[in-house]
């Protein structure tokens, strides 16, 4: 299996960082974004180890997924059916 180069991870990190900042400007925040900020590993920190950037990427991905999580309600004449799709994100880890 091919591993990402550090430069590739930083590019991914930068793109996710831009999405996260745009969401914050729209007032969207969650615990994953808070954990990301507390990690203090940002795309400009090119001296950080690639595993640290991978952890930051994981937190950003989880935060974006959490922000996009939608639980739509489908109306039918007979009844209302609640459609819920959720991902168990609490067990996700970076290796």
PDB file of N, CA and C in Angstrom:
ATOM      1  N   UNK A   1       0.843  -1.180   0.000  1.00  0.00           N
ATOM      2  CA  UNK A   1       0.000   0.000   0.000  1.00  0.00           C
ATOM      3  C   UNK A   1       0.888   1.243   0.000  1.00  0.00           C
ATOM      4  N   UNK A   2       0.586   2.169  -0.885  1.00  0.00           N
ATOM      5  CA  UNK A   2       1.382   3.385  -1.001  1.00  0.00           C
ATOM      6  C   UNK A   2       1.039   4.354   0.132  1.00  0.00           C
ATOM      7  N   UNK A   3       2.051   4.906   0.731  1.00  0.00           N
ATOM      8  CA  UNK A   3       1.894   5.904   1.793  1.00  0.00           C
ATOM      9  C   UNK A   3       1.957   7.300   1.194  1.00  0.00           C
ATOM     10  N   UNK A   4       1.266   8.226   1.830  1.00  0.00           N
ATOM     11  CA  UNK A   4       1.336   9.614   1.393  1.00  0.00           C
ATOM     12  C   UNK A   4       2.672  10.216   1.798  1.00  0.00           C
ATOM     13  N   UNK A   5       3.192  11.057   0.941  1.00  0.00           N
ATOM     14  CA  UNK A   5       4.361  11.845   1.302  1.00  0.00           C
ATOM     15  C   UNK A   5       3.915  12.985   2.209  1.00  0.00           C
ATOM     16  N   UNK A   6       4.829  13.511   2.978  1.00  0.00           N
ATOM     17  CA  UNK A   6       4.507  14.611   3.887  1.00  0.00           C
ATOM     18  C   UNK A   6       3.927  15.800   3.121  1.00  0.00           C
ATOM     19  N   UNK A   7       4.493  16.088   1.952  1.00  0.00           N
ATOM     20  CA  UNK A   7       4.008  17.211   1.144  1.00  0.00           C
ATOM     21  C   UNK A   7       2.557  16.995   0.724  1.00  0.00           C
ATOM     22  N   UNK A   8       2.206  15.747   0.393  1.00  0.00           N
ATOM     23  CA  UNK A   8       0.819  15.423   0.024  1.00  0.00           C
ATOM     24  C   UNK A   8      -0.123  15.642   1.198  1.00  0.00           C
ATOM     25  N   UNK A   9       0.303  15.202   2.373  1.00  0.00           N
ATOM     26  CA  UNK A   9      -0.526  15.380   3.572  1.00  0.00           C
ATOM     27  C   UNK A   9      -0.735  16.859   3.875  1.00  0.00           C
ATOM     28  N   UNK A  10       0.296  17.659   3.701  1.00  0.00           N
ATOM     29  CA  UNK A  10       0.166  19.092   3.965  1.00  0.00           C
ATOM     30  C   UNK A  10      -0.810  19.731   2.982  1.00  0.00           C
ATOM     31  N   UNK A  11      -0.799  19.300   1.723  1.00  0.00           N
ATOM     32  CA  UNK A  11      -1.752  19.826   0.742  1.00  0.00           C
ATOM     33  C   UNK A  11      -3.191  19.456   1.122  1.00  0.00           C
ATOM     34  N   UNK A  12      -3.394  18.208   1.524  1.00  0.00           N
ATOM     35  CA  UNK A  12      -4.724  17.773   1.967  1.00  0.00           C
ATOM     36  C   UNK A  12      -5.138  18.563   3.197  1.00  0.00           C
ATOM     37  N   UNK A  13      -4.207  18.692   4.132  1.00  0.00           N
ATOM     38  CA  UNK A  13      -4.456  19.435   5.362  1.00  0.00           C
ATOM     39  C   UNK A  13      -4.887  20.872   5.045  1.00  0.00           C
ATOM     40  N   UNK A  14      -4.196  21.513   4.117  1.00  0.00           N
ATOM     41  CA  UNK A  14      -4.511  22.890   3.752  1.00  0.00           C
ATOM     42  C   UNK A  14      -5.921  23.004   3.167  1.00  0.00           C
ATOM     43  N   UNK A  15      -6.292  22.090   2.293  1.00  0.00           N
ATOM     44  CA  UNK A  15      -7.632  22.140   1.699  1.00  0.00           C
ATOM     45  C   UNK A  15      -8.728  21.938   2.745  1.00  0.00           C
ATOM     46  N   UNK A  16      -8.526  20.983   3.646  1.00  0.00           N
ATOM     47  CA  UNK A  16      -9.506  20.755   4.707  1.00  0.00           C
ATOM     48  C   UNK A  16      -9.557  21.932   5.678  1.00  0.00           C
ATOM     49  N   UNK A  17      -8.402  22.530   5.934  1.00  0.00           N
ATOM     50  CA  UNK A  17      -8.321  23.708   6.793  1.00  0.00           C
ATOM     51  C   UNK A  17      -9.168  24.849   6.224  1.00  0.00           C
ATOM     52  N   UNK A  18      -9.098  25.058   4.906  1.00  0.00           N
ATOM     53  CA  UNK A  18      -9.884  26.109   4.261  1.00  0.00           C
ATOM     54  C   UNK A  18     -11.378  25.844   4.401  1.00  0.00           C
ATOM     55  N   UNK A  19     -11.776  24.594   4.265  1.00  0.00           N
ATOM     56  CA  UNK A  19     -13.192  24.235   4.428  1.00  0.00           C
ATOM     57  C   UNK A  19     -13.635  24.477   5.864  1.00  0.00           C
ATOM     58  N   UNK A  20     -12.797  24.060   6.807  1.00  0.00           N
ATOM     59  CA  UNK A  20     -13.136  24.243   8.229  1.00  0.00           C
ATOM     60  C   UNK A  20     -13.270  25.727   8.568  1.00  0.00           C
ATOM     61  N   UNK A  21     -12.366  26.557   8.072  1.00  0.00           N
ATOM     62  CA  UNK A  21     -12.434  27.998   8.343  1.00  0.00           C
ATOM     63  C   UNK A  21     -13.681  28.612   7.712  1.00  0.00           C
ATOM     64  N   UNK A  22     -14.049  28.164   6.513  1.00  0.00           N
ATOM     65  CA  UNK A  22     -15.265  28.667   5.870  1.00  0.00           C
ATOM     66  C   UNK A  22     -16.492  28.278   6.690  1.00  0.00           C
ATOM     67  N   UNK A  23     -16.509  27.066   7.223  1.00  0.00           N
ATOM     68  CA  UNK A  23     -17.628  26.631   8.060  1.00  0.00           C
ATOM     69  C   UNK A  23     -17.704  27.466   9.331  1.00  0.00           C
ATOM     70  N   UNK A  24     -16.550  27.749   9.920  1.00  0.00           N
ATOM     71  CA  UNK A  24     -16.541  28.576  11.130  1.00  0.00           C
ATOM     72  C   UNK A  24     -17.082  29.973  10.843  1.00  0.00           C
ATOM     73  N   UNK A  25     -16.755  30.524   9.681  1.00  0.00           N
ATOM     74  CA  UNK A  25     -17.278  31.839   9.306  1.00  0.00           C
ATOM     75  C   UNK A  25     -18.802  31.810   9.157  1.00  0.00           C
ATOM     76  N   UNK A  26     -19.339  30.636   8.813  1.00  0.00           N
ATOM     77  CA  UNK A  26     -20.792  30.468   8.698  1.00  0.00           C
ATOM     78  C   UNK A  26     -21.428  30.134  10.048  1.00  0.00           C
ATOM     79  N   UNK A  27     -20.600  30.073  11.103  1.00  0.00           N
ATOM     80  CA  UNK A  27     -21.116  29.794  12.431  1.00  0.00           C
ATOM     81  C   UNK A  27     -21.216  28.317  12.762  1.00  0.00           C
ATOM     82  N   UNK A  28     -20.612  27.466  11.946  1.00  0.00           N
ATOM     83  CA  UNK A  28     -20.653  26.022  12.165  1.00  0.00           C
ATOM     84  C   UNK A  28     -19.421  25.613  12.945  1.00  0.00           C
ATOM     85  N   UNK A  29     -19.634  24.976  14.070  1.00  0.00           N
ATOM     86  CA  UNK A  29     -18.523  24.486  14.875  1.00  0.00           C
ATOM     87  C   UNK A  29     -18.962  23.207  15.576  1.00  0.00           C
ATOM     88  N   UNK A  30     -17.997  22.435  16.035  1.00  0.00           N
ATOM     89  CA  UNK A  30     -18.293  21.219  16.788  1.00  0.00           C
ATOM     90  C   UNK A  30     -17.056  20.813  17.578  1.00  0.00           C
ATOM     91  N   UNK A  31     -17.178  19.726  18.319  1.00  0.00           N
ATOM     92  CA  UNK A  31     -16.075  19.296  19.185  1.00  0.00           C
ATOM     93  C   UNK A  31     -14.828  18.908  18.400  1.00  0.00           C
ATOM     94  N   UNK A  32     -14.990  18.358  17.204  1.00  0.00           N
ATOM     95  CA  UNK A  32     -13.825  17.975  16.401  1.00  0.00           C
ATOM     96  C   UNK A  32     -13.021  19.198  15.979  1.00  0.00           C
ATOM     97  N   UNK A  33     -13.715  20.273  15.613  1.00  0.00           N
ATOM     98  CA  UNK A  33     -13.008  21.508  15.257  1.00  0.00           C
ATOM     99  C   UNK A  33     -12.287  22.082  16.477  1.00  0.00           C
ATOM    100  N   UNK A  34     -12.896  21.965  17.640  1.00  0.00           N
ATOM    101  CA  UNK A  34     -12.252  22.426  18.865  1.00  0.00           C
ATOM    102  C   UNK A  34     -10.998  21.601  19.152  1.00  0.00           C
ATOM    103  N   UNK A  35     -11.107  20.285  19.014  1.00  0.00           N
ATOM    104  CA  UNK A  35      -9.942  19.416  19.219  1.00  0.00           C
ATOM    105  C   UNK A  35      -8.843  19.727  18.218  1.00  0.00           C
ATOM    106  N   UNK A  36      -9.233  20.032  16.983  1.00  0.00           N
ATOM    107  CA  UNK A  36      -8.255  20.402  15.959  1.00  0.00           C
ATOM    108  C   UNK A  36      -7.493  21.657  16.383  1.00  0.00           C
ATOM    109  N   UNK A  37      -8.219  22.669  16.834  1.00  0.00           N
ATOM    110  CA  UNK A  37      -7.564  23.912  17.276  1.00  0.00           C
ATOM    111  C   UNK A  37      -6.633  23.655  18.454  1.00  0.00           C
ATOM    112  N   UNK A  38      -7.061  22.778  19.381  1.00  0.00           N
ATOM    113  CA  UNK A  38      -6.244  22.473  20.553  1.00  0.00           C
ATOM    114  C   UNK A  38      -4.998  21.669  20.193  1.00  0.00           C
ATOM    115  N   UNK A  39      -5.059  20.924  19.093  1.00  0.00           N
ATOM    116  CA  UNK A  39      -3.906  20.144  18.642  1.00  0.00           C
ATOM    117  C   UNK A  39      -2.741  21.055  18.242  1.00  0.00           C
ATOM    118  N   UNK A  40      -3.076  22.236  17.737  1.00  0.00           N
ATOM    119  CA  UNK A  40      -2.088  23.239  17.338  1.00  0.00           C
ATOM    120  C   UNK A  40      -1.101  22.714  16.284  1.00  0.00           C
ATOM    121  N   UNK A  41      -1.649  22.014  15.304  1.00  0.00           N
ATOM    122  CA  UNK A  41      -0.890  21.591  14.122  1.00  0.00           C
ATOM    123  C   UNK A  41      -1.651  22.151  12.929  1.00  0.00           C
ATOM    124  N   UNK A  42      -1.053  23.121  12.261  1.00  0.00           N
ATOM    125  CA  UNK A  42      -1.706  23.793  11.152  1.00  0.00           C
ATOM    126  C   UNK A  42      -0.919  23.545   9.863  1.00  0.00           C
ATOM    127  N   UNK A  43      -1.539  23.728   8.702  1.00  0.00           N
ATOM    128  CA  UNK A  43      -0.844  23.446   7.439  1.00  0.00           C
ATOM    129  C   UNK A  43       0.481  24.194   7.285  1.00  0.00           C
ATOM    130  N   UNK A  44       0.585  25.361   7.868  1.00  0.00           N
ATOM    131  CA  UNK A  44       1.817  26.147   7.769  1.00  0.00           C
ATOM    132  C   UNK A  44       2.954  25.582   8.626  1.00  0.00           C
ATOM    133  N   UNK A  45       2.640  24.643   9.493  1.00  0.00           N
ATOM    134  CA  UNK A  45       3.655  24.042  10.369  1.00  0.00           C
ATOM    135  C   UNK A  45       4.346  22.883   9.644  1.00  0.00           C
ATOM    136  N   UNK A  46       5.137  23.231   8.659  1.00  0.00           N
ATOM    137  CA  UNK A  46       5.771  22.208   7.830  1.00  0.00           C
ATOM    138  C   UNK A  46       6.848  21.420   8.580  1.00  0.00           C
ATOM    139  N   UNK A  47       7.270  21.932   9.731  1.00  0.00           N
ATOM    140  CA  UNK A  47       8.279  21.247  10.532  1.00  0.00           C
ATOM    141  C   UNK A  47       7.686  20.116  11.369  1.00  0.00           C
ATOM    142  N   UNK A  48       6.350  20.085  11.498  1.00  0.00           N
ATOM    143  CA  UNK A  48       5.699  19.041  12.295  1.00  0.00           C
ATOM    144  C   UNK A  48       5.805  17.705  11.568  1.00  0.00           C
ATOM    145  N   UNK A  49       5.775  16.620  12.334  1.00  0.00           N
ATOM    146  CA  UNK A  49       5.868  15.275  11.778  1.00  0.00           C
ATOM    147  C   UNK A  49       4.617  14.948  10.964  1.00  0.00           C
ATOM    148  N   UNK A  50       4.773  14.105   9.949  1.00  0.00           N
ATOM    149  CA  UNK A  50       3.643  13.791   9.075  1.00  0.00           C
ATOM    150  C   UNK A  50       2.514  13.101   9.833  1.00  0.00           C
ATOM    151  N   UNK A  51       2.832  12.368  10.909  1.00  0.00           N
ATOM    152  CA  UNK A  51       1.782  11.749  11.722  1.00  0.00           C
ATOM    153  C   UNK A  51       0.920  12.805  12.421  1.00  0.00           C
ATOM    154  N   UNK A  52       1.533  13.914  12.789  1.00  0.00           N
ATOM    155  CA  UNK A  52       0.779  15.009  13.404  1.00  0.00           C
ATOM    156  C   UNK A  52      -0.164  15.645  12.386  1.00  0.00           C
ATOM    157  N   UNK A  53       0.301  15.794  11.144  1.00  0.00           N
ATOM    158  CA  UNK A  53      -0.567  16.320  10.092  1.00  0.00           C
ATOM    159  C   UNK A  53      -1.693  15.331   9.794  1.00  0.00           C
ATOM    160  N   UNK A  54      -1.386  14.031   9.836  1.00  0.00           N
ATOM    161  CA  UNK A  54      -2.417  13.010   9.605  1.00  0.00           C
ATOM    162  C   UNK A  54      -3.486  13.076  10.694  1.00  0.00           C
ATOM    163  N   UNK A  55      -3.082  13.298  11.936  1.00  0.00           N
ATOM    164  CA  UNK A  55      -4.049  13.429  13.036  1.00  0.00           C
ATOM    165  C   UNK A  55      -4.910  14.675  12.842  1.00  0.00           C
ATOM    166  N   UNK A  56      -4.292  15.765  12.425  1.00  0.00           N
ATOM    167  CA  UNK A  56      -5.038  16.997  12.163  1.00  0.00           C
ATOM    168  C   UNK A  56      -6.041  16.777  11.030  1.00  0.00           C
ATOM    169  N   UNK A  57      -5.623  16.072   9.983  1.00  0.00           N
ATOM    170  CA  UNK A  57      -6.515  15.768   8.861  1.00  0.00           C
ATOM    171  C   UNK A  57      -7.705  14.955   9.341  1.00  0.00           C
ATOM    172  N   UNK A  58      -7.455  13.955  10.175  1.00  0.00           N
ATOM    173  CA  UNK A  58      -8.542  13.116  10.691  1.00  0.00           C
ATOM    174  C   UNK A  58      -9.544  13.958  11.473  1.00  0.00           C
ATOM    175  N   UNK A  59      -9.063  14.844  12.328  1.00  0.00           N
ATOM    176  CA  UNK A  59      -9.969  15.691  13.105  1.00  0.00           C
ATOM    177  C   UNK A  59     -10.780  16.613  12.193  1.00  0.00           C
ATOM    178  N   UNK A  60     -10.135  17.173  11.182  1.00  0.00           N
ATOM    179  CA  UNK A  60     -10.854  18.036  10.247  1.00  0.00           C
ATOM    180  C   UNK A  60     -11.911  17.245   9.477  1.00  0.00           C
ATOM    181  N   UNK A  61     -11.557  16.058   9.020  1.00  0.00           N
ATOM    182  CA  UNK A  61     -12.524  15.214   8.304  1.00  0.00           C
ATOM    183  C   UNK A  61     -13.717  14.868   9.184  1.00  0.00           C
ATOM    184  N   UNK A  62     -13.436  14.486  10.417  1.00  0.00           N
ATOM    185  CA  UNK A  62     -14.522  14.143  11.342  1.00  0.00           C
ATOM    186  C   UNK A  62     -15.397  15.358  11.632  1.00  0.00           C
ATOM    187  N   UNK A  63     -14.777  16.514  11.785  1.00  0.00           N
ATOM    188  CA  UNK A  63     -15.536  17.738  12.029  1.00  0.00           C
ATOM    189  C   UNK A  63     -16.419  18.105  10.851  1.00  0.00           C
ATOM    190  N   UNK A  64     -15.887  17.973   9.646  1.00  0.00           N
ATOM    191  CA  UNK A  64     -16.669  18.282   8.444  1.00  0.00           C
ATOM    192  C   UNK A  64     -17.819  17.291   8.304  1.00  0.00           C
ATOM    193  N   UNK A  65     -17.544  16.007   8.519  1.00  0.00           N
ATOM    194  CA  UNK A  65     -18.609  15.000   8.466  1.00  0.00           C
ATOM    195  C   UNK A  65     -19.698  15.286   9.496  1.00  0.00           C
ATOM    196  N   UNK A  66     -19.287  15.631  10.692  1.00  0.00           N
ATOM    197  CA  UNK A  66     -20.251  15.953  11.749  1.00  0.00           C
ATOM    198  C   UNK A  66     -21.105  17.153  11.353  1.00  0.00           C
ATOM    199  N   UNK A  67     -20.472  18.157  10.778  1.00  0.00           N
ATOM    200  CA  UNK A  67     -21.200  19.362  10.364  1.00  0.00           C
ATOM    201  C   UNK A  67     -22.181  19.066   9.234  1.00  0.00           C
ATOM    202  N   UNK A  68     -21.847  18.110   8.383  1.00  0.00           N
ATOM    203  CA  UNK A  68     -22.704  17.777   7.245  1.00  0.00           C
ATOM    204  C   UNK A  68     -23.749  16.721   7.559  1.00  0.00           C
ATOM    205  N   UNK A  69     -23.685  16.164   8.744  1.00  0.00           N
ATOM    206  CA  UNK A  69     -24.627  15.103   9.123  1.00  0.00           C
ATOM    207  C   UNK A  69     -26.051  15.644   9.070  1.00  0.00           C
ATOM    208  N   UNK A  70     -26.874  14.958   8.322  1.00  0.00           N
ATOM    209  CA  UNK A  70     -28.259  15.384   8.130  1.00  0.00           C
ATOM    210  C   UNK A  70     -29.170  14.230   8.499  1.00  0.00           C
ATOM    211  N   UNK A  71     -30.215  14.552   9.207  1.00  0.00           N
ATOM    212  CA  UNK A  71     -31.215  13.561   9.545  1.00  0.00           C
ATOM    213  C   UNK A  71     -32.548  14.018   8.956  1.00  0.00           C
ATOM    214  N   UNK A  72     -32.747  13.732   7.658  1.00  0.00           N
ATOM    215  CA  UNK A  72     -33.966  14.220   7.003  1.00  0.00           C
ATOM    216  C   UNK A  72     -35.203  13.470   7.460  1.00  0.00           C
ATOM    217  N   UNK A  73     -36.336  14.113   7.322  1.00  0.00           N
ATOM    218  CA  UNK A  73     -37.609  13.492   7.648  1.00  0.00           C
ATOM    219  C   UNK A  73     -38.406  13.361   6.359  1.00  0.00           C
ATOM    220  N   UNK A  74     -38.836  12.138   6.057  1.00  0.00           N
ATOM    221  CA  UNK A  74     -39.590  11.870   4.847  1.00  0.00           C
ATOM    222  C   UNK A  74     -41.062  11.769   5.216  1.00  0.00           C
ATOM    223  N   UNK A  75     -41.884  12.606   4.600  1.00  0.00           N
ATOM    224  CA  UNK A  75     -43.315  12.618   4.892  1.00  0.00           C
ATOM    225  C   UNK A  75     -44.063  11.723   3.908  1.00  0.00           C
ATOM    226  N   UNK A  76     -44.938  10.897   4.430  1.00  0.00           N
ATOM    227  CA  UNK A  76     -45.835  10.095   3.612  1.00  0.00           C
ATOM    228  C   UNK A  76     -47.251  10.364   4.079  1.00  0.00           C
ATOM    229  N   UNK A  77     -48.255  10.089   3.251  1.00  0.00           N
ATOM    230  CA  UNK A  77     -49.637  10.343   3.679  1.00  0.00           C
ATOM    231  C   UNK A  77     -50.008   9.576   4.945  1.00  0.00           C
ATOM    232  N   UNK A  78     -49.499   8.353   5.077  1.00  0.00           N
ATOM    233  CA  UNK A  78     -49.873   7.532   6.225  1.00  0.00           C
ATOM    234  C   UNK A  78     -49.131   7.893   7.499  1.00  0.00           C
ATOM    235  N   UNK A  79     -47.864   8.190   7.361  1.00  0.00           N
ATOM    236  CA  UNK A  79     -47.044   8.430   8.549  1.00  0.00           C
ATOM    237  C   UNK A  79     -45.782   9.187   8.189  1.00  0.00           C
ATOM    238  N   UNK A  80     -45.090   9.631   9.174  1.00  0.00           N
ATOM    239  CA  UNK A  80     -43.807  10.302   8.992  1.00  0.00           C
ATOM    240  C   UNK A  80     -42.718   9.295   9.311  1.00  0.00           C
ATOM    241  N   UNK A  81     -41.805   9.137   8.373  1.00  0.00           N
ATOM    242  CA  UNK A  81     -40.706   8.192   8.559  1.00  0.00           C
ATOM    243  C   UNK A  81     -39.430   8.990   8.767  1.00  0.00           C
ATOM    244  N   UNK A  82     -38.801   8.781   9.888  1.00  0.00           N
ATOM    245  CA  UNK A  82     -37.545   9.473  10.148  1.00  0.00           C
ATOM    246  C   UNK A  82     -36.397   8.622   9.633  1.00  0.00           C
ATOM    247  N   UNK A  83     -35.604   9.201   8.766  1.00  0.00           N
ATOM    248  CA  UNK A  83     -34.464   8.509   8.182  1.00  0.00           C
ATOM    249  C   UNK A  83     -33.222   9.004   8.906  1.00  0.00           C
ATOM    250  N   UNK A  84     -32.539   8.090   9.553  1.00  0.00           N
ATOM    251  CA  UNK A  84     -31.333   8.482  10.272  1.00  0.00           C
ATOM    252  C   UNK A  84     -30.185   7.602   9.838  1.00  0.00           C
ATOM    253  N   UNK A  85     -29.148   8.248   9.342  1.00  0.00           N
ATOM    254  CA  UNK A  85     -27.917   7.547   9.003  1.00  0.00           C
ATOM    255  C   UNK A  85     -26.820   8.191   9.821  1.00  0.00           C
ATOM    256  N   UNK A  86     -26.206   7.395  10.654  1.00  0.00           N
ATOM    257  CA  UNK A  86     -25.133   7.973  11.451  1.00  0.00           C
ATOM    258  C   UNK A  86     -23.904   7.089  11.365  1.00  0.00           C
ATOM    259  N   UNK A  87     -22.764   7.709  11.550  1.00  0.00           N
ATOM    260  CA  UNK A  87     -21.494   7.026  11.522  1.00  0.00           C
ATOM    261  C   UNK A  87     -20.927   7.079  12.935  1.00  0.00           C
ATOM    262  N   UNK A  88     -20.498   5.959  13.436  1.00  0.00           N
ATOM    263  CA  UNK A  88     -19.878   5.948  14.757  1.00  0.00           C
ATOM    264  C   UNK A  88     -18.464   6.488  14.611  1.00  0.00           C
ATOM    265  N   UNK A  89     -18.294   7.774  14.914  1.00  0.00           N
ATOM    266  CA  UNK A  89     -17.018   8.441  14.730  1.00  0.00           C
ATOM    267  C   UNK A  89     -16.132   8.406  15.955  1.00  0.00           C
ATOM    268  N   UNK A  90     -16.691   7.953  17.079  1.00  0.00           N
ATOM    269  CA  UNK A  90     -15.914   8.018  18.316  1.00  0.00           C
ATOM    270  C   UNK A  90     -14.793   6.983  18.358  1.00  0.00           C
ATOM    271  N   UNK A  91     -14.864   5.946  17.521  1.00  0.00           N
ATOM    272  CA  UNK A  91     -13.840   4.915  17.536  1.00  0.00           C
ATOM    273  C   UNK A  91     -12.781   5.110  16.480  1.00  0.00           C
ATOM    274  N   UNK A  92     -12.893   6.192  15.687  1.00  0.00           N
ATOM    275  CA  UNK A  92     -11.933   6.432  14.618  1.00  0.00           C
ATOM    276  C   UNK A  92     -10.587   6.855  15.198  1.00  0.00           C
ATOM    277  N   UNK A  93      -9.535   6.282  14.663  1.00  0.00           N
ATOM    278  CA  UNK A  93      -8.198   6.636  15.125  1.00  0.00           C
ATOM    279  C   UNK A  93      -7.265   6.792  13.935  1.00  0.00           C
ATOM    280  N   UNK A  94      -6.204   7.470  14.157  1.00  0.00           N
ATOM    281  CA  UNK A  94      -5.174   7.648  13.134  1.00  0.00           C
ATOM    282  C   UNK A  94      -4.009   6.760  13.501  1.00  0.00           C
ATOM    283  N   UNK A  95      -3.529   6.000  12.551  1.00  0.00           N
ATOM    284  CA  UNK A  95      -2.359   5.135  12.813  1.00  0.00           C
ATOM    285  C   UNK A  95      -1.253   5.495  11.869  1.00  0.00           C
TER     286      UNK A  95
END
